[in-house]
Amino acid sequence: MQFSVFVGDLPDNIKFPKAVAIDSETTGLDIINDKLCLVQIGDGKGNAWLVQIRKNIPCPNLKKLLTNPKILKIFHFARFDVAKIKAALGIVVNPVYCTKIASKLTRPEAEKHSLKNLCADMLGIQLDKEQQCSDWTKEELSPEQIQYAAGDVMYLHALKAKLDKLLKEQNKEELAASCFAFLPTRAELDLMGLDNPDLFSHH
C-alpha cells in the first residue's frame, strides 16, 4: 500500500487505470457553502493519492482525471461528491458509478447502505470512521486523517465487483446505468436548490 498526499494538484506523471475510486472531504454537508478540502483517488490495488484543495492553486491534472470520459469514477454517494466538486472546481465529473445506488437497487432489504455497512456486509471489513469529522482544513494532515481518507477509496473497486454481479443476476444493469448517467444532472439540481422540496416530488 502507498498513500501519497499532494497540495493543490496531482503530479503530471501518474498513470491511472480505467476505473478509479473517488471520495472527498469537506467542512460540512452544505453543498454550496461548505469548503471542499480534499479529493482522494484510489486505484483498487492499495494505492491512494490525496489532493489537498487550495483556493488559489489551480488543479488541471485533477480536473483532467475527473472529466476523462475514458476513466470511470467510482463513488459512494456520488450525488454529494459530484455536486461538491462541481461547486468548488467548476467541472462535471463523468462517467460515474455509485456503490450506494447499486446497493439500494440490489439490496433493498438492507437496513443501511453506508460505506461502513457495505464494507462490513459485503467484504467483512470494518472501517474506522473516527476521523470523519476531523479538521480537514489543516495545512498538514495527520497520519490518522491520511489513513482514514485513503480507506474511503480503498474498497470501492471490490464493492463494485460484488454489486455488478448482483445487478447482473437481478437484471438491473441498464437501470443502474441510467441512474449513474443522471447523477450529474441530479447534482446540478441540488446546486440550484431543487433538492428540498425535490423537483420530482408530488408537491
C-alpha atoms as a PDB file:
ATOM      1  CA  MET A   1       0.000   0.000   0.000  1.00  0.00           C
ATOM      2  CA  GLN A   2       1.157   3.510  -0.774  1.00  0.00           C
ATOM      3  CA  PHE A   3      -0.610   6.720   0.222  1.00  0.00           C
ATOM      4  CA  SER A   4       0.623   9.980  -1.317  1.00  0.00           C
ATOM      5  CA  VAL A   5      -0.502  13.495  -0.333  1.00  0.00           C
ATOM      6  CA  PHE A   6      -0.250  16.427  -2.718  1.00  0.00           C
ATOM      7  CA  VAL A   7      -1.082  20.098  -2.215  1.00  0.00           C
ATOM      8  CA  GLY A   8      -3.124  21.765  -4.951  1.00  0.00           C
ATOM      9  CA  ASP A   9      -2.930  19.174  -7.712  1.00  0.00           C
ATOM     10  CA  LEU A  10      -1.777  15.761  -8.869  1.00  0.00           C
ATOM     11  CA  PRO A  11       1.670  15.498 -10.437  1.00  0.00           C
ATOM     12  CA  ASP A  12       1.985  15.026 -14.189  1.00  0.00           C
ATOM     13  CA  ASN A  13       3.395  11.511 -14.232  1.00  0.00           C
ATOM     14  CA  ILE A  14       0.688   9.375 -12.571  1.00  0.00           C
ATOM     15  CA  LYS A  15      -0.901   6.727 -14.782  1.00  0.00           C
ATOM     16  CA  PHE A  16      -4.409   5.774 -13.742  1.00  0.00           C
ATOM     17  CA  PRO A  17      -6.361   2.601 -14.539  1.00  0.00           C
ATOM     18  CA  LYS A  18      -9.643   2.571 -16.484  1.00  0.00           C
ATOM     19  CA  ALA A  19     -11.598   2.863 -13.231  1.00  0.00           C
ATOM     20  CA  VAL A  20     -10.624   4.869 -10.149  1.00  0.00           C
ATOM     21  CA  ALA A  21     -12.288   5.245  -6.771  1.00  0.00           C
ATOM     22  CA  ILE A  22     -13.028   8.830  -5.752  1.00  0.00           C
ATOM     23  CA  ASP A  23     -14.095  10.441  -2.487  1.00  0.00           C
ATOM     24  CA  SER A  24     -13.912  13.899  -0.952  1.00  0.00           C
ATOM     25  CA  GLU A  25     -13.629  15.507   2.461  1.00  0.00           C
ATOM     26  CA  THR A  26     -15.362  18.796   3.221  1.00  0.00           C
ATOM     27  CA  THR A  27     -16.030  21.143   6.121  1.00  0.00           C
ATOM     28  CA  GLY A  28     -19.669  20.059   6.205  1.00  0.00           C
ATOM     29  CA  LEU A  29     -22.617  18.762   4.217  1.00  0.00           C
ATOM     30  CA  ASP A  30     -23.765  22.062   2.709  1.00  0.00           C
ATOM     31  CA  ILE A  31     -23.001  21.629  -0.997  1.00  0.00           C
ATOM     32  CA  ILE A  32     -22.784  25.340  -1.765  1.00  0.00           C
ATOM     33  CA  ASN A  33     -21.361  26.951   1.360  1.00  0.00           C
ATOM     34  CA  ASP A  34     -19.063  24.349   2.884  1.00  0.00           C
ATOM     35  CA  LYS A  35     -15.495  24.034   1.649  1.00  0.00           C
ATOM     36  CA  LEU A  36     -14.034  21.206  -0.413  1.00  0.00           C
ATOM     37  CA  CYS A  37     -10.807  20.300   1.371  1.00  0.00           C
ATOM     38  CA  LEU A  38      -9.575  17.014  -0.050  1.00  0.00           C
ATOM     39  CA  VAL A  39     -10.124  14.734  -3.032  1.00  0.00           C
ATOM     40  CA  GLN A  40      -8.984  11.117  -2.731  1.00  0.00           C
ATOM     41  CA  ILE A  41      -8.224   8.767  -5.628  1.00  0.00           C
ATOM     42  CA  GLY A  42      -7.742   5.008  -5.323  1.00  0.00           C
ATOM     43  CA  ASP A  43      -6.592   2.529  -7.971  1.00  0.00           C
ATOM     44  CA  GLY A  44      -8.140  -0.601  -6.454  1.00  0.00           C
ATOM     45  CA  LYS A  45      -4.674  -2.066  -5.794  1.00  0.00           C
ATOM     46  CA  GLY A  46      -3.971  -0.468  -2.437  1.00  0.00           C
ATOM     47  CA  ASN A  47      -2.610   2.836  -3.716  1.00  0.00           C
ATOM     48  CA  ALA A  48      -4.229   6.171  -2.921  1.00  0.00           C
ATOM     49  CA  TRP A  49      -3.483   9.751  -3.941  1.00  0.00           C
ATOM     50  CA  LEU A  50      -4.832  12.548  -1.744  1.00  0.00           C
ATOM     51  CA  VAL A  51      -5.084  16.068  -3.149  1.00  0.00           C
ATOM     52  CA  GLN A  52      -5.495  18.944  -0.698  1.00  0.00           C
ATOM     53  CA  ILE A  53      -7.575  21.612  -2.417  1.00  0.00           C
ATOM     54  CA  ARG A  54      -6.276  25.177  -2.161  1.00  0.00           C
ATOM     55  CA  LYS A  55      -8.296  28.215  -3.182  1.00  0.00           C
ATOM     56  CA  ASN A  56      -5.598  29.963  -5.201  1.00  0.00           C
ATOM     57  CA  ILE A  57      -3.919  26.871  -6.675  1.00  0.00           C
ATOM     58  CA  PRO A  58      -5.364  25.533  -9.943  1.00  0.00           C
ATOM     59  CA  CYS A  59      -5.612  21.772 -10.298  1.00  0.00           C
ATOM     60  CA  PRO A  60      -5.575  20.977 -14.042  1.00  0.00           C
ATOM     61  CA  ASN A  61      -4.344  17.398 -13.624  1.00  0.00           C
ATOM     62  CA  LEU A  62      -7.040  16.554 -11.083  1.00  0.00           C
ATOM     63  CA  LYS A  63      -9.697  18.150 -13.285  1.00  0.00           C
ATOM     64  CA  LYS A  64      -8.420  16.239 -16.301  1.00  0.00           C
ATOM     65  CA  LEU A  65      -8.743  12.948 -14.431  1.00  0.00           C
ATOM     66  CA  LEU A  66     -12.221  13.686 -13.085  1.00  0.00           C
ATOM     67  CA  THR A  67     -13.556  14.655 -16.523  1.00  0.00           C
ATOM     68  CA  ASN A  68     -11.740  11.991 -18.562  1.00  0.00           C
ATOM     69  CA  PRO A  69     -14.503  10.150 -20.487  1.00  0.00           C
ATOM     70  CA  LYS A  70     -12.362   7.006 -20.686  1.00  0.00           C
ATOM     71  CA  ILE A  71     -11.885   6.621 -16.919  1.00  0.00           C
ATOM     72  CA  LEU A  72     -14.816   5.505 -14.751  1.00  0.00           C
ATOM     73  CA  LYS A  73     -15.078   7.274 -11.410  1.00  0.00           C
ATOM     74  CA  ILE A  74     -16.411   5.021  -8.615  1.00  0.00           C
ATOM     75  CA  PHE A  75     -18.031   6.837  -5.686  1.00  0.00           C
ATOM     76  CA  HIS A  76     -20.093   6.005  -2.658  1.00  0.00           C
ATOM     77  CA  PHE A  77     -22.965   8.524  -2.553  1.00  0.00           C
ATOM     78  CA  ALA A  78     -21.798  10.186  -5.756  1.00  0.00           C
ATOM     79  CA  ARG A  79     -24.655  12.682  -5.617  1.00  0.00           C
ATOM     80  CA  PHE A  80     -22.890  14.703  -2.920  1.00  0.00           C
ATOM     81  CA  ASP A  81     -19.329  14.418  -4.198  1.00  0.00           C
ATOM     82  CA  VAL A  82     -20.207  15.224  -7.819  1.00  0.00           C
ATOM     83  CA  ALA A  83     -22.145  18.313  -6.724  1.00  0.00           C
ATOM     84  CA  LYS A  84     -19.464  19.436  -4.270  1.00  0.00           C
ATOM     85  CA  ILE A  85     -16.689  19.042  -6.842  1.00  0.00           C
ATOM     86  CA  LYS A  86     -18.677  20.997  -9.422  1.00  0.00           C
ATOM     87  CA  ALA A  87     -19.366  23.791  -6.940  1.00  0.00           C
ATOM     88  CA  ALA A  88     -15.700  24.022  -5.940  1.00  0.00           C
ATOM     89  CA  LEU A  89     -13.854  23.220  -9.169  1.00  0.00           C
ATOM     90  CA  GLY A  90     -16.420  24.098 -11.831  1.00  0.00           C
ATOM     91  CA  ILE A  91     -16.292  20.706 -13.578  1.00  0.00           C
ATOM     92  CA  VAL A  92     -18.758  17.896 -14.288  1.00  0.00           C
ATOM     93  CA  VAL A  93     -17.406  14.554 -13.107  1.00  0.00           C
ATOM     94  CA  ASN A  94     -18.240  11.854 -15.631  1.00  0.00           C
ATOM     95  CA  PRO A  95     -18.639   8.898 -16.176  1.00  0.00           C
ATOM     96  CA  VAL A  96     -19.756   7.925 -12.685  1.00  0.00           C
ATOM     97  CA  TYR A  97     -20.605   4.750 -10.755  1.00  0.00           C
ATOM     98  CA  CYS A  98     -22.220   4.913  -7.301  1.00  0.00           C
ATOM     99  CA  THR A  99     -21.975   1.956  -4.930  1.00  0.00           C
ATOM    100  CA  LYS A 100     -24.728   3.396  -2.717  1.00  0.00           C
ATOM    101  CA  ILE A 101     -27.219   3.439  -5.601  1.00  0.00           C
ATOM    102  CA  ALA A 102     -26.146  -0.032  -6.709  1.00  0.00           C
ATOM    103  CA  SER A 103     -26.628  -1.305  -3.162  1.00  0.00           C
ATOM    104  CA  LYS A 104     -30.090   0.220  -2.835  1.00  0.00           C
ATOM    105  CA  LEU A 105     -31.117  -1.285  -6.180  1.00  0.00           C
ATOM    106  CA  THR A 106     -29.876  -4.780  -5.394  1.00  0.00           C
ATOM    107  CA  ARG A 107     -30.207  -4.975  -1.596  1.00  0.00           C
ATOM    108  CA  PRO A 108     -33.490  -3.172  -0.760  1.00  0.00           C
ATOM    109  CA  GLU A 109     -33.884  -5.307   2.334  1.00  0.00           C
ATOM    110  CA  ALA A 110     -30.700  -3.914   3.921  1.00  0.00           C
ATOM    111  CA  GLU A 111     -31.319  -1.517   6.803  1.00  0.00           C
ATOM    112  CA  LYS A 112     -28.383   0.742   5.941  1.00  0.00           C
ATOM    113  CA  HIS A 113     -26.339   1.461   2.818  1.00  0.00           C
ATOM    114  CA  SER A 114     -23.446   3.484   4.237  1.00  0.00           C
ATOM    115  CA  LEU A 115     -19.923   2.706   3.097  1.00  0.00           C
ATOM    116  CA  LYS A 116     -19.160   1.327   6.542  1.00  0.00           C
ATOM    117  CA  ASN A 117     -22.154  -1.015   6.375  1.00  0.00           C
ATOM    118  CA  LEU A 118     -21.393  -2.138   2.822  1.00  0.00           C
ATOM    119  CA  CYS A 119     -17.793  -2.957   3.665  1.00  0.00           C
ATOM    120  CA  ALA A 120     -18.916  -4.936   6.705  1.00  0.00           C
ATOM    121  CA  ASP A 121     -21.787  -6.756   4.965  1.00  0.00           C
ATOM    122  CA  MET A 122     -20.162  -7.486   1.607  1.00  0.00           C
ATOM    123  CA  LEU A 123     -16.427  -7.607   2.323  1.00  0.00           C
ATOM    124  CA  GLY A 124     -16.202  -8.445   6.026  1.00  0.00           C
ATOM    125  CA  ILE A 125     -14.124  -5.297   6.584  1.00  0.00           C
ATOM    126  CA  GLN A 126     -14.662  -2.912   9.487  1.00  0.00           C
ATOM    127  CA  LEU A 127     -13.959   0.726   8.616  1.00  0.00           C
ATOM    128  CA  ASP A 128     -12.842   3.125  11.321  1.00  0.00           C
ATOM    129  CA  LYS A 129     -14.837   6.358  10.872  1.00  0.00           C
ATOM    130  CA  GLU A 130     -13.353   8.207  13.868  1.00  0.00           C
ATOM    131  CA  GLN A 131     -11.655  10.867  11.719  1.00  0.00           C
ATOM    132  CA  GLN A 132     -14.758  11.636   9.639  1.00  0.00           C
ATOM    133  CA  CYS A 133     -15.490  14.938  11.378  1.00  0.00           C
ATOM    134  CA  SER A 134     -11.899  15.986  11.990  1.00  0.00           C
ATOM    135  CA  ASP A 135     -10.450  19.273  10.732  1.00  0.00           C
ATOM    136  CA  TRP A 136      -9.734  18.779   7.008  1.00  0.00           C
ATOM    137  CA  THR A 137      -8.651  22.406   6.557  1.00  0.00           C
ATOM    138  CA  LYS A 138      -5.326  21.801   8.319  1.00  0.00           C
ATOM    139  CA  GLU A 139      -2.185  22.624   6.360  1.00  0.00           C
ATOM    140  CA  GLU A 140      -0.730  19.217   7.155  1.00  0.00           C
ATOM    141  CA  LEU A 141      -2.923  16.151   7.568  1.00  0.00           C
ATOM    142  CA  SER A 142      -2.263  13.815  10.460  1.00  0.00           C
ATOM    143  CA  PRO A 143      -1.320  10.165   9.836  1.00  0.00           C
ATOM    144  CA  GLU A 144      -4.738   9.200  11.181  1.00  0.00           C
ATOM    145  CA  GLN A 145      -6.501  11.502   8.708  1.00  0.00           C
ATOM    146  CA  ILE A 146      -4.439  10.147   5.812  1.00  0.00           C
ATOM    147  CA  GLN A 147      -5.248   6.570   6.791  1.00  0.00           C
ATOM    148  CA  TYR A 148      -8.943   7.392   7.107  1.00  0.00           C
ATOM    149  CA  ALA A 149      -9.159   9.302   3.809  1.00  0.00           C
ATOM    150  CA  ALA A 150      -7.328   6.543   1.927  1.00  0.00           C
ATOM    151  CA  GLY A 151      -9.606   3.956   3.500  1.00  0.00           C
ATOM    152  CA  ASP A 152     -12.652   5.585   1.941  1.00  0.00           C
ATOM    153  CA  VAL A 153     -11.375   4.766  -1.567  1.00  0.00           C
ATOM    154  CA  MET A 154      -9.590   1.509  -0.748  1.00  0.00           C
ATOM    155  CA  TYR A 155     -12.533  -0.863  -1.143  1.00  0.00           C
ATOM    156  CA  LEU A 156     -14.798   0.706  -3.767  1.00  0.00           C
ATOM    157  CA  HIS A 157     -13.436  -1.434  -6.612  1.00  0.00           C
ATOM    158  CA  ALA A 158     -14.120  -4.609  -4.628  1.00  0.00           C
ATOM    159  CA  LEU A 159     -17.621  -3.404  -3.736  1.00  0.00           C
ATOM    160  CA  LYS A 160     -18.315  -2.563  -7.376  1.00  0.00           C
ATOM    161  CA  ALA A 161     -17.328  -6.068  -8.439  1.00  0.00           C
ATOM    162  CA  LYS A 162     -19.752  -7.657  -5.986  1.00  0.00           C
ATOM    163  CA  LEU A 163     -22.539  -5.190  -6.766  1.00  0.00           C
ATOM    164  CA  ASP A 164     -22.067  -5.652 -10.524  1.00  0.00           C
ATOM    165  CA  LYS A 165     -22.643  -9.369 -10.023  1.00  0.00           C
ATOM    166  CA  LEU A 166     -25.894  -8.647  -8.161  1.00  0.00           C
ATOM    167  CA  LEU A 167     -27.018  -6.144 -10.796  1.00  0.00           C
ATOM    168  CA  LYS A 168     -26.475  -8.766 -13.497  1.00  0.00           C
ATOM    169  CA  GLU A 169     -28.234 -11.517 -11.544  1.00  0.00           C
ATOM    170  CA  GLN A 170     -31.240  -9.240 -10.927  1.00  0.00           C
ATOM    171  CA  ASN A 171     -31.292  -7.873 -14.489  1.00  0.00           C
ATOM    172  CA  LYS A 172     -30.814  -4.313 -13.225  1.00  0.00           C
ATOM    173  CA  GLU A 173     -27.673  -3.325 -15.112  1.00  0.00           C
ATOM    174  CA  GLU A 174     -29.431  -0.955 -17.523  1.00  0.00           C
ATOM    175  CA  LEU A 175     -31.467   0.618 -14.730  1.00  0.00           C
ATOM    176  CA  ALA A 176     -28.317   1.224 -12.696  1.00  0.00           C
ATOM    177  CA  ALA A 177     -26.531   2.692 -15.717  1.00  0.00           C
ATOM    178  CA  SER A 178     -29.433   5.113 -16.227  1.00  0.00           C
ATOM    179  CA  CYS A 179     -29.250   6.193 -12.589  1.00  0.00           C
ATOM    180  CA  PHE A 180     -25.492   6.741 -12.814  1.00  0.00           C
ATOM    181  CA  ALA A 181     -25.836   8.766 -16.025  1.00  0.00           C
ATOM    182  CA  PHE A 182     -28.402  11.011 -14.321  1.00  0.00           C
ATOM    183  CA  LEU A 183     -26.160  11.843 -11.359  1.00  0.00           C
ATOM    184  CA  PRO A 184     -24.501  14.965 -12.873  1.00  0.00           C
ATOM    185  CA  THR A 185     -27.993  16.351 -13.579  1.00  0.00           C
ATOM    186  CA  ARG A 186     -29.151  15.452 -10.059  1.00  0.00           C
ATOM    187  CA  ALA A 187     -26.104  17.260  -8.680  1.00  0.00           C
ATOM    188  CA  GLU A 188     -26.862  20.343 -10.782  1.00  0.00           C
ATOM    189  CA  LEU A 189     -30.426  20.405  -9.448  1.00  0.00           C
ATOM    190  CA  ASP A 190     -29.064  20.172  -5.893  1.00  0.00           C
ATOM    191  CA  LEU A 191     -26.757  23.130  -6.562  1.00  0.00           C
ATOM    192  CA  MET A 192     -29.785  25.101  -7.796  1.00  0.00           C
ATOM    193  CA  GLY A 193     -31.567  24.397  -4.513  1.00  0.00           C
ATOM    194  CA  LEU A 194     -34.042  21.999  -6.099  1.00  0.00           C
ATOM    195  CA  ASP A 195     -33.466  19.260  -3.555  1.00  0.00           C
ATOM    196  CA  ASN A 196     -35.932  20.382  -0.884  1.00  0.00           C
ATOM    197  CA  PRO A 197     -38.638  20.179  -1.945  1.00  0.00           C
ATOM    198  CA  ASP A 198     -37.415  17.795  -4.599  1.00  0.00           C
ATOM    199  CA  LEU A 199     -38.175  18.717  -8.203  1.00  0.00           C
ATOM    200  CA  PHE A 200     -39.693  15.268  -8.701  1.00  0.00           C
ATOM    201  CA  SER A 201     -41.870  15.260  -5.584  1.00  0.00           C
ATOM    202  CA  HIS A 202     -45.669  15.500  -5.796  1.00  0.00           C
ATOM    203  CA  HIS A 203     -45.836  18.831  -4.004  1.00  0.00           C
END
